[in-house]
Amino acid sequence: AGRAFSAGLDLVDAGERHARGDNDNILDEYFA
């Protein structure tokens, strides 16, 4: 939607997950 297909990884979301202490590996558990 809008003017982009996708800007890639949401660094804000990744940072918030890290700040919350989420221990999941985003690449292995979601992206891959």
PDB file of all heavy atoms in Angstrom:
ATOM      1  N   ALA A   1       0.851  -1.192   0.000  1.00  0.00           N
ATOM      2  CA  ALA A   1       0.000   0.000   0.000  1.00  0.00           C
ATOM      3  C   ALA A   1       0.887   1.243   0.000  1.00  0.00           C
ATOM      4  O   ALA A   1       1.971   1.255   0.585  1.00  0.00           O
ATOM      5  CB  ALA A   1      -0.900  -0.003   1.236  1.00  0.00           C
ATOM      6  N   GLY A   2       0.418   2.295  -0.654  1.00  0.00           N
ATOM      7  CA  GLY A   2       1.169   3.543  -0.647  1.00  0.00           C
ATOM      8  C   GLY A   2       2.311   3.553  -1.636  1.00  0.00           C
ATOM      9  O   GLY A   2       2.217   2.986  -2.725  1.00  0.00           O
ATOM     10  N   ARG A   3       3.427   4.169  -1.252  1.00  0.00           N
ATOM     11  CA  ARG A   3       4.515   4.404  -2.194  1.00  0.00           C
ATOM     12  C   ARG A   3       5.683   3.434  -2.071  1.00  0.00           C
ATOM     13  O   ARG A   3       6.743   3.665  -2.647  1.00  0.00           O
ATOM     14  CB  ARG A   3       5.034   5.836  -2.041  1.00  0.00           C
ATOM     15  CG  ARG A   3       5.543   6.196  -0.671  1.00  0.00           C
ATOM     16  CD  ARG A   3       5.758   7.704  -0.545  1.00  0.00           C
ATOM     17  NE  ARG A   3       6.256   8.098   0.763  1.00  0.00           N
ATOM     18  CZ  ARG A   3       7.550   8.217   1.066  1.00  0.00           C
ATOM     19  NH1 ARG A   3       8.468   7.980   0.145  1.00  0.00           N
ATOM     20  NH2 ARG A   3       7.913   8.588   2.275  1.00  0.00           N
ATOM     21  N   ALA A   4       5.505   2.346  -1.331  1.00  0.00           N
ATOM     22  CA  ALA A   4       6.559   1.353  -1.216  1.00  0.00           C
ATOM     23  C   ALA A   4       5.973  -0.047  -1.240  1.00  0.00           C
ATOM     24  O   ALA A   4       4.858  -0.273  -0.761  1.00  0.00           O
ATOM     25  CB  ALA A   4       7.357   1.554   0.074  1.00  0.00           C
ATOM     26  N   PHE A   5       6.727  -0.976  -1.801  1.00  0.00           N
ATOM     27  CA  PHE A   5       6.386  -2.390  -1.647  1.00  0.00           C
ATOM     28  C   PHE A   5       6.713  -2.790  -0.217  1.00  0.00           C
ATOM     29  O   PHE A   5       5.865  -3.251   0.525  1.00  0.00           O
ATOM     30  CB  PHE A   5       7.179  -3.241  -2.646  1.00  0.00           C
ATOM     31  CG  PHE A   5       6.881  -4.714  -2.546  1.00  0.00           C
ATOM     32  CD1 PHE A   5       5.826  -5.256  -3.260  1.00  0.00           C
ATOM     33  CD2 PHE A   5       7.659  -5.544  -1.753  1.00  0.00           C
ATOM     34  CE1 PHE A   5       5.543  -6.625  -3.164  1.00  0.00           C
ATOM     35  CE2 PHE A   5       7.382  -6.892  -1.655  1.00  0.00           C
ATOM     36  CZ  PHE A   5       6.317  -7.439  -2.361  1.00  0.00           C
ATOM     37  N   SER A   6       7.957  -2.573   0.169  1.00  0.00           N
ATOM     38  CA  SER A   6       8.364  -2.758   1.564  1.00  0.00           C
ATOM     39  C   SER A   6       9.761  -2.209   1.768  1.00  0.00           C
ATOM     40  O   SER A   6      10.645  -2.403   0.929  1.00  0.00           O
ATOM     41  CB  SER A   6       8.341  -4.240   1.953  1.00  0.00           C
ATOM     42  OG  SER A   6       8.900  -4.409   3.249  1.00  0.00           O
ATOM     43  N   ALA A   7       9.952  -1.530   2.897  1.00  0.00           N
ATOM     44  CA  ALA A   7      11.261  -0.966   3.242  1.00  0.00           C
ATOM     45  C   ALA A   7      12.153  -1.972   3.964  1.00  0.00           C
ATOM     46  O   ALA A   7      13.220  -1.606   4.445  1.00  0.00           O
ATOM     47  CB  ALA A   7      11.079   0.271   4.105  1.00  0.00           C
ATOM     48  N   GLY A   8      11.720  -3.236   4.056  1.00  0.00           N
ATOM     49  CA  GLY A   8      12.532  -4.248   4.714  1.00  0.00           C
ATOM     50  C   GLY A   8      12.245  -4.335   6.202  1.00  0.00           C
ATOM     51  O   GLY A   8      11.189  -3.904   6.682  1.00  0.00           O
ATOM     52  N   LEU A   9      13.167  -4.915   6.936  1.00  0.00           N
ATOM     53  CA  LEU A   9      12.993  -5.132   8.370  1.00  0.00           C
ATOM     54  C   LEU A   9      12.610  -3.849   9.094  1.00  0.00           C
ATOM     55  O   LEU A   9      13.231  -2.797   8.908  1.00  0.00           O
ATOM     56  CB  LEU A   9      14.288  -5.685   8.975  1.00  0.00           C
ATOM     57  CG  LEU A   9      14.330  -5.815  10.510  1.00  0.00           C
ATOM     58  CD1 LEU A   9      13.320  -6.837  10.995  1.00  0.00           C
ATOM     59  CD2 LEU A   9      15.743  -6.172  10.970  1.00  0.00           C
ATOM     60  N   ASP A  10      11.587  -3.935   9.931  1.00  0.00           N
ATOM     61  CA  ASP A  10      11.190  -2.814  10.778  1.00  0.00           C
ATOM     62  C   ASP A  10      12.152  -2.749  11.953  1.00  0.00           C
ATOM     63  O   ASP A  10      12.038  -3.503  12.921  1.00  0.00           O
ATOM     64  CB  ASP A  10       9.750  -3.017  11.260  1.00  0.00           C
ATOM     65  CG  ASP A  10       9.207  -1.800  11.987  1.00  0.00           C
ATOM     66  OD1 ASP A  10      10.015  -1.025  12.544  1.00  0.00           O
ATOM     67  OD2 ASP A  10       7.981  -1.625  12.019  1.00  0.00           O
ATOM     68  N   LEU A  11      13.100  -1.835  11.870  1.00  0.00           N
ATOM     69  CA  LEU A  11      14.128  -1.731  12.907  1.00  0.00           C
ATOM     70  C   LEU A  11      13.537  -1.265  14.231  1.00  0.00           C
ATOM     71  O   LEU A  11      14.049  -1.622  15.301  1.00  0.00           O
ATOM     72  CB  LEU A  11      15.230  -0.777  12.452  1.00  0.00           C
ATOM     73  CG  LEU A  11      16.030  -1.230  11.219  1.00  0.00           C
ATOM     74  CD1 LEU A  11      17.009  -0.144  10.791  1.00  0.00           C
ATOM     75  CD2 LEU A  11      16.776  -2.530  11.510  1.00  0.00           C
ATOM     76  N   VAL A  12      12.457  -0.477  14.172  1.00  0.00           N
ATOM     77  CA  VAL A  12      11.799  -0.042  15.407  1.00  0.00           C
ATOM     78  C   VAL A  12      11.198  -1.243  16.117  1.00  0.00           C
ATOM     79  O   VAL A  12      11.363  -1.430  17.331  1.00  0.00           O
ATOM     80  CB  VAL A  12      10.722   1.009  15.105  1.00  0.00           C
ATOM     81  CG1 VAL A  12       9.929   1.339  16.367  1.00  0.00           C
ATOM     82  CG2 VAL A  12      11.352   2.269  14.527  1.00  0.00           C
ATOM     83  N   ASP A  13      10.492  -2.081  15.374  1.00  0.00           N
ATOM     84  CA  ASP A  13       9.895  -3.289  15.949  1.00  0.00           C
ATOM     85  C   ASP A  13      10.974  -4.204  16.518  1.00  0.00           C
ATOM     86  O   ASP A  13      10.847  -4.729  17.631  1.00  0.00           O
ATOM     87  CB  ASP A  13       9.091  -4.029  14.882  1.00  0.00           C
ATOM     88  CG  ASP A  13       8.529  -5.347  15.376  1.00  0.00           C
ATOM     89  OD1 ASP A  13       7.619  -5.327  16.227  1.00  0.00           O
ATOM     90  OD2 ASP A  13       9.001  -6.408  14.920  1.00  0.00           O
ATOM     91  N   ALA A  14      12.067  -4.379  15.767  1.00  0.00           N
ATOM     92  CA  ALA A  14      13.151  -5.237  16.233  1.00  0.00           C
ATOM     93  C   ALA A  14      13.767  -4.688  17.515  1.00  0.00           C
ATOM     94  O   ALA A  14      14.084  -5.436  18.447  1.00  0.00           O
ATOM     95  CB  ALA A  14      14.210  -5.380  15.148  1.00  0.00           C
ATOM     96  N   GLY A  15      13.939  -3.348  17.570  1.00  0.00           N
ATOM     97  CA  GLY A  15      14.495  -2.732  18.767  1.00  0.00           C
ATOM     98  C   GLY A  15      13.589  -2.878  19.970  1.00  0.00           C
ATOM     99  O   GLY A  15      14.046  -3.128  21.089  1.00  0.00           O
ATOM    100  N   GLU A  16      12.273  -2.742  19.743  1.00  0.00           N
ATOM    101  CA  GLU A  16      11.324  -2.878  20.847  1.00  0.00           C
ATOM    102  C   GLU A  16      11.293  -4.307  21.370  1.00  0.00           C
ATOM    103  O   GLU A  16      11.181  -4.533  22.573  1.00  0.00           O
ATOM    104  CB  GLU A  16       9.933  -2.446  20.380  1.00  0.00           C
ATOM    105  CG  GLU A  16       9.815  -0.945  20.141  1.00  0.00           C
ATOM    106  CD  GLU A  16       8.467  -0.563  19.560  1.00  0.00           C
ATOM    107  OE1 GLU A  16       7.718  -1.481  19.139  1.00  0.00           O
ATOM    108  OE2 GLU A  16       8.162   0.653  19.514  1.00  0.00           O
ATOM    109  N   ARG A  17      11.397  -5.259  20.459  1.00  0.00           N
ATOM    110  CA  ARG A  17      11.423  -6.665  20.884  1.00  0.00           C
ATOM    111  C   ARG A  17      12.663  -6.940  21.725  1.00  0.00           C
ATOM    112  O   ARG A  17      12.620  -7.647  22.731  1.00  0.00           O
ATOM    113  CB  ARG A  17      11.376  -7.595  19.674  1.00  0.00           C
ATOM    114  CG  ARG A  17      10.079  -7.501  18.875  1.00  0.00           C
ATOM    115  CD  ARG A  17      10.108  -8.431  17.673  1.00  0.00           C
ATOM    116  NE  ARG A  17      10.080  -9.820  18.096  1.00  0.00           N
ATOM    117  CZ  ARG A  17       8.974 -10.487  18.394  1.00  0.00           C
ATOM    118  NH1 ARG A  17       7.797  -9.887  18.322  1.00  0.00           N
ATOM    119  NH2 ARG A  17       9.030 -11.746  18.760  1.00  0.00           N
ATOM    120  N   HIS A  18      13.779  -6.348  21.300  1.00  0.00           N
ATOM    121  CA  HIS A  18      15.025  -6.522  22.057  1.00  0.00           C
ATOM    122  C   HIS A  18      14.913  -5.872  23.433  1.00  0.00           C
ATOM    123  O   HIS A  18      15.341  -6.440  24.445  1.00  0.00           O
ATOM    124  CB  HIS A  18      16.189  -5.911  21.276  1.00  0.00           C
ATOM    125  CG  HIS A  18      17.508  -6.014  21.980  1.00  0.00           C
ATOM    126  ND1 HIS A  18      18.201  -7.204  22.105  1.00  0.00           N
ATOM    127  CD2 HIS A  18      18.250  -5.075  22.623  1.00  0.00           C
ATOM    128  CE1 HIS A  18      19.308  -6.990  22.768  1.00  0.00           C
ATOM    129  NE2 HIS A  18      19.370  -5.706  23.098  1.00  0.00           N
ATOM    130  N   ALA A  19      14.310  -4.681  23.482  1.00  0.00           N
ATOM    131  CA  ALA A  19      14.159  -3.965  24.752  1.00  0.00           C
ATOM    132  C   ALA A  19      13.252  -4.721  25.721  1.00  0.00           C
ATOM    133  O   ALA A  19      13.442  -4.659  26.945  1.00  0.00           O
ATOM    134  CB  ALA A  19      13.608  -2.564  24.495  1.00  0.00           C
ATOM    135  N   ARG A  20      12.278  -5.439  25.189  1.00  0.00           N
ATOM    136  CA  ARG A  20      11.376  -6.228  26.034  1.00  0.00           C
ATOM    137  C   ARG A  20      12.028  -7.505  26.526  1.00  0.00           C
ATOM    138  O   ARG A  20      11.482  -8.218  27.368  1.00  0.00           O
ATOM    139  CB  ARG A  20      10.105  -6.599  25.260  1.00  0.00           C
ATOM    140  CG  ARG A  20       9.173  -5.433  24.976  1.00  0.00           C
ATOM    141  CD  ARG A  20       7.794  -5.942  24.580  1.00  0.00           C
ATOM    142  NE  ARG A  20       7.836  -6.828  23.433  1.00  0.00           N
ATOM    143  CZ  ARG A  20       7.660  -6.437  22.165  1.00  0.00           C
ATOM    144  NH1 ARG A  20       7.456  -5.152  21.913  1.00  0.00           N
ATOM    145  NH2 ARG A  20       7.690  -7.293  21.182  1.00  0.00           N
ATOM    146  N   GLY A  21      13.185  -7.809  25.985  1.00  0.00           N
ATOM    147  CA  GLY A  21      13.869  -9.028  26.390  1.00  0.00           C
ATOM    148  C   GLY A  21      13.430 -10.259  25.619  1.00  0.00           C
ATOM    149  O   GLY A  21      13.678 -11.393  26.052  1.00  0.00           O
ATOM    150  N   ASP A  22      12.778 -10.044  24.474  1.00  0.00           N
ATOM    151  CA  ASP A  22      12.402 -11.193  23.647  1.00  0.00           C
ATOM    152  C   ASP A  22      13.670 -11.897  23.172  1.00  0.00           C
ATOM    153  O   ASP A  22      14.575 -11.265  22.622  1.00  0.00           O
ATOM    154  CB  ASP A  22      11.590 -10.739  22.435  1.00  0.00           C
ATOM    155  CG  ASP A  22      10.224 -10.195  22.835  1.00  0.00           C
ATOM    156  OD1 ASP A  22       9.820 -10.448  23.982  1.00  0.00           O
ATOM    157  OD2 ASP A  22       9.583  -9.532  22.008  1.00  0.00           O
ATOM    158  N   ASN A  23      13.707 -13.183  23.368  1.00  0.00           N
ATOM    159  CA  ASN A  23      14.918 -13.940  23.038  1.00  0.00           C
ATOM    160  C   ASN A  23      14.826 -14.670  21.709  1.00  0.00           C
ATOM    161  O   ASN A  23      15.706 -15.450  21.364  1.00  0.00           O
ATOM    162  CB  ASN A  23      15.197 -14.969  24.151  1.00  0.00           C
ATOM    163  CG  ASN A  23      15.539 -14.308  25.473  1.00  0.00           C
ATOM    164  OD1 ASN A  23      16.275 -13.314  25.494  1.00  0.00           O
ATOM    165  ND2 ASN A  23      15.005 -14.826  26.561  1.00  0.00           N
ATOM    166  N   ASP A  24      13.735 -14.440  20.968  1.00  0.00           N
ATOM    167  CA  ASP A  24      13.601 -15.152  19.713  1.00  0.00           C
ATOM    168  C   ASP A  24      14.582 -14.622  18.670  1.00  0.00           C
ATOM    169  O   ASP A  24      14.982 -13.463  18.693  1.00  0.00           O
ATOM    170  CB  ASP A  24      12.169 -15.069  19.177  1.00  0.00           C
ATOM    171  CG  ASP A  24      11.662 -13.622  19.100  1.00  0.00           C
ATOM    172  OD1 ASP A  24      12.400 -12.722  19.532  1.00  0.00           O
ATOM    173  OD2 ASP A  24      10.544 -13.417  18.605  1.00  0.00           O
ATOM    174  N   ASN A  25      15.005 -15.512  17.803  1.00  0.00           N
ATOM    175  CA  ASN A  25      15.853 -15.142  16.679  1.00  0.00           C
ATOM    176  C   ASN A  25      14.917 -14.801  15.515  1.00  0.00           C
ATOM    177  O   ASN A  25      14.319 -15.686  14.913  1.00  0.00           O
ATOM    178  CB  ASN A  25      16.777 -16.304  16.310  1.00  0.00           C
ATOM    179  CG  ASN A  25      17.744 -15.958  15.189  1.00  0.00           C
ATOM    180  OD1 ASN A  25      17.374 -15.291  14.228  1.00  0.00           O
ATOM    181  ND2 ASN A  25      18.961 -16.424  15.304  1.00  0.00           N
ATOM    182  N   ILE A  26      14.765 -13.511  15.227  1.00  0.00           N
ATOM    183  CA  ILE A  26      13.776 -13.075  14.252  1.00  0.00           C
ATOM    184  C   ILE A  26      14.001 -13.735  12.897  1.00  0.00           C
ATOM    185  O   ILE A  26      13.045 -14.154  12.224  1.00  0.00           O
ATOM    186  CB  ILE A  26      13.790 -11.546  14.117  1.00  0.00           C
ATOM    187  CG1 ILE A  26      13.269 -10.888  15.397  1.00  0.00           C
ATOM    188  CG2 ILE A  26      12.938 -11.094  12.938  1.00  0.00           C
ATOM    189  CD1 ILE A  26      13.287  -9.374  15.365  1.00  0.00           C
ATOM    190  N   LEU A  27      15.257 -13.845  12.481  1.00  0.00           N
ATOM    191  CA  LEU A  27      15.528 -14.437  11.176  1.00  0.00           C
ATOM    192  C   LEU A  27      15.129 -15.910  11.133  1.00  0.00           C
ATOM    193  O   LEU A  27      14.412 -16.344  10.234  1.00  0.00           O
ATOM    194  CB  LEU A  27      17.010 -14.291  10.823  1.00  0.00           C
ATOM    195  CG  LEU A  27      17.476 -12.901  10.380  1.00  0.00           C
ATOM    196  CD1 LEU A  27      18.946 -12.933  10.032  1.00  0.00           C
ATOM    197  CD2 LEU A  27      16.658 -12.413   9.195  1.00  0.00           C
ATOM    198  N   ASP A  28      15.603 -16.678  12.094  1.00  0.00           N
ATOM    199  CA  ASP A  28      15.345 -18.117  12.077  1.00  0.00           C
ATOM    200  C   ASP A  28      13.889 -18.460  12.366  1.00  0.00           C
ATOM    201  O   ASP A  28      13.361 -19.448  11.838  1.00  0.00           O
ATOM    202  CB  ASP A  28      16.239 -18.827  13.094  1.00  0.00           C
ATOM    203  CG  ASP A  28      17.689 -18.876  12.658  1.00  0.00           C
ATOM    204  OD1 ASP A  28      17.955 -18.606  11.468  1.00  0.00           O
ATOM    205  OD2 ASP A  28      18.556 -19.169  13.499  1.00  0.00           O
ATOM    206  N   GLU A  29      13.238 -17.661  13.192  1.00  0.00           N
ATOM    207  CA  GLU A  29      11.887 -18.020  13.634  1.00  0.00           C
ATOM    208  C   GLU A  29      10.784 -17.373  12.803  1.00  0.00           C
ATOM    209  O   GLU A  29       9.642 -17.867  12.821  1.00  0.00           O
ATOM    210  CB  GLU A  29      11.711 -17.647  15.105  1.00  0.00           C
ATOM    211  CG  GLU A  29      12.622 -18.437  16.036  1.00  0.00           C
ATOM    212  CD  GLU A  29      12.359 -18.156  17.499  1.00  0.00           C
ATOM    213  OE1 GLU A  29      11.214 -17.832  17.848  1.00  0.00           O
ATOM    214  OE2 GLU A  29      13.312 -18.243  18.303  1.00  0.00           O
ATOM    215  N   TYR A  30      11.095 -16.317  12.063  1.00  0.00           N
ATOM    216  CA  TYR A  30      10.043 -15.631  11.318  1.00  0.00           C
ATOM    217  C   TYR A  30      10.393 -15.388   9.851  1.00  0.00           C
ATOM    218  O   TYR A  30       9.643 -15.785   8.951  1.00  0.00           O
ATOM    219  CB  TYR A  30       9.698 -14.294  11.996  1.00  0.00           C
ATOM    220  CG  TYR A  30       9.210 -14.461  13.409  1.00  0.00           C
ATOM    221  CD1 TYR A  30      10.045 -14.208  14.497  1.00  0.00           C
ATOM    222  CD2 TYR A  30       7.917 -14.905  13.668  1.00  0.00           C
ATOM    223  CE1 TYR A  30       9.599 -14.380  15.803  1.00  0.00           C
ATOM    224  CE2 TYR A  30       7.455 -15.076  14.961  1.00  0.00           C
ATOM    225  CZ  TYR A  30       8.305 -14.815  16.028  1.00  0.00           C
ATOM    226  OH  TYR A  30       7.866 -14.995  17.319  1.00  0.00           O
ATOM    227  N   PHE A  31      11.529 -14.744   9.574  1.00  0.00           N
ATOM    228  CA  PHE A  31      11.854 -14.394   8.201  1.00  0.00           C
ATOM    229  C   PHE A  31      12.161 -15.632   7.350  1.00  0.00           C
ATOM    230  O   PHE A  31      11.615 -15.780   6.254  1.00  0.00           O
ATOM    231  CB  PHE A  31      13.036 -13.414   8.163  1.00  0.00           C
ATOM    232  CG  PHE A  31      12.630 -11.984   8.385  1.00  0.00           C
ATOM    233  CD1 PHE A  31      12.408 -11.503   9.673  1.00  0.00           C
ATOM    234  CD2 PHE A  31      12.471 -11.114   7.326  1.00  0.00           C
ATOM    235  CE1 PHE A  31      12.017 -10.189   9.889  1.00  0.00           C
ATOM    236  CE2 PHE A  31      12.092  -9.795   7.528  1.00  0.00           C
ATOM    237  CZ  PHE A  31      11.861  -9.331   8.811  1.00  0.00           C
ATOM    238  N   ALA A  32      13.033 -16.497   7.835  1.00  0.00           N
ATOM    239  CA  ALA A  32      13.392 -17.686   7.054  1.00  0.00           C
ATOM    240  C   ALA A  32      12.198 -18.606   6.821  1.00  0.00           C
ATOM    241  O   ALA A  32      11.996 -19.071   5.692  1.00  0.00           O
ATOM    242  CB  ALA A  32      14.541 -18.435   7.731  1.00  0.00           C
TER     243      ALA A  32
END
